[in-house]
């Protein structure tokens, strides 16, 4: 039985050499979105785009949660349909 899903905005740091933007923790049923990434989008594009970025990140992680082993491209496609834009369009803002 699954518990209620939670979303948390917090500092995620890195995984190896990659800076984490979002992650799903099945143990706690939590999707975590990186606070620095959210702030970068907010600073560069405004509050509405920051909210849209969070929605895309959550949709992306939900895609991974729904089907284990789903590729990044497949998860991006699910997120694009859910939030109305390709999540890659946030890349420059997020990494900035």
Protein backbone atom coordinates (compact mmCIF):
# COMPACT_ATOMS: atom_id res chain seq x y z
CA UNK A 1 0.00 0.00 0.00
CA UNK A 2 1.34 3.42 -0.96
CA UNK A 3 1.28 6.33 1.43
CA UNK A 4 0.37 9.84 0.40
CA UNK A 5 2.95 11.38 -1.88
CA UNK A 6 4.74 14.45 -0.56
CA UNK A 7 6.65 17.15 -2.43
CA UNK A 8 9.50 18.97 -0.72
CA UNK A 9 11.65 21.89 -1.87
CA UNK A 10 15.12 21.51 -0.35
CA UNK A 11 18.81 21.48 -1.11
CA UNK A 12 19.69 18.26 -2.94
CA UNK A 13 23.39 18.68 -3.63
CA UNK A 14 25.06 16.28 -6.04
CA UNK A 15 25.13 12.65 -7.01
CA UNK A 16 28.60 11.85 -8.22
CA UNK A 17 29.53 14.71 -10.55
CA UNK A 18 25.90 15.63 -11.38
CA UNK A 19 23.97 18.28 -9.50
CA UNK A 20 20.57 16.90 -8.54
CA UNK A 21 17.50 18.85 -9.67
CA UNK A 22 14.79 16.47 -8.45
CA UNK A 23 14.58 13.00 -6.98
CA UNK A 24 11.97 10.53 -5.85
CA UNK A 25 12.46 8.76 -2.52
CA UNK A 26 10.30 5.62 -2.48
CA UNK A 27 11.01 5.01 1.21
CA UNK A 28 9.28 8.21 2.32
CA UNK A 29 7.07 8.62 -0.80
CA UNK A 30 8.59 12.08 -1.29
CA UNK A 31 9.58 13.96 -4.42
CA UNK A 32 12.29 16.45 -3.59
CA UNK A 33 12.97 19.41 -5.87
CA UNK A 34 16.20 21.35 -5.49
CA UNK A 35 15.69 24.73 -3.83
CA UNK A 36 18.59 26.32 -5.72
CA UNK A 37 17.14 25.20 -9.06
CA UNK A 38 13.74 26.65 -8.14
CA UNK A 39 15.36 29.93 -7.10
CA UNK A 40 17.40 30.09 -10.33
CA UNK A 41 14.23 29.74 -12.41
CA UNK A 42 12.37 32.26 -10.22
CA UNK A 43 15.20 34.80 -10.49
CA UNK A 44 15.57 34.36 -14.27
CA UNK A 45 11.95 33.92 -15.36
CA UNK A 46 9.62 34.78 -12.47
CA UNK A 47 7.33 33.06 -10.01
CA UNK A 48 4.98 31.54 -12.59
CA UNK A 49 7.84 29.79 -14.39
CA UNK A 50 9.26 28.59 -11.06
CA UNK A 51 5.90 26.97 -10.29
CA UNK A 52 5.83 25.48 -13.78
CA UNK A 53 9.34 24.12 -13.27
CA UNK A 54 8.26 22.44 -10.03
CA UNK A 55 5.25 20.91 -11.82
CA UNK A 56 7.53 19.56 -14.56
CA UNK A 57 10.00 18.16 -12.06
CA UNK A 58 7.21 16.43 -10.14
CA UNK A 59 5.68 15.01 -13.34
CA UNK A 60 9.10 13.74 -14.39
CA UNK A 61 9.67 11.97 -11.08
CA UNK A 62 6.12 10.57 -11.08
CA UNK A 63 6.87 9.02 -14.47
CA UNK A 64 9.84 7.22 -12.95
CA UNK A 65 7.72 6.19 -9.95
CA UNK A 66 4.97 4.77 -12.15
CA UNK A 67 7.24 2.59 -14.26
CA UNK A 68 10.56 1.49 -12.81
CA UNK A 69 13.32 1.68 -15.38
CA UNK A 70 11.63 4.37 -17.48
CA UNK A 71 14.32 6.28 -19.39
CA UNK A 72 15.06 9.96 -18.91
CA UNK A 73 13.68 10.69 -22.40
CA UNK A 74 10.42 8.89 -21.57
CA UNK A 75 10.12 10.75 -18.26
CA UNK A 76 10.80 14.06 -20.07
CA UNK A 77 8.02 13.26 -22.55
CA UNK A 78 5.55 12.56 -19.73
CA UNK A 79 6.54 15.80 -18.00
CA UNK A 80 6.23 17.78 -21.25
CA UNK A 81 2.67 16.56 -21.71
CA UNK A 82 1.82 17.31 -18.08
CA UNK A 83 3.22 20.83 -17.87
CA UNK A 84 2.91 22.01 -21.47
CA UNK A 85 6.59 22.50 -22.17
CA UNK A 86 9.66 20.38 -22.64
CA UNK A 87 11.43 20.17 -19.26
CA UNK A 88 14.74 20.61 -21.10
CA UNK A 89 13.69 24.22 -21.77
CA UNK A 90 14.37 24.88 -18.09
CA UNK A 91 17.90 23.52 -18.28
CA UNK A 92 19.74 26.84 -18.75
CA UNK A 93 17.66 28.49 -16.04
CA UNK A 94 18.11 25.62 -13.61
CA UNK A 95 21.82 25.23 -14.08
CA UNK A 96 22.48 28.99 -14.07
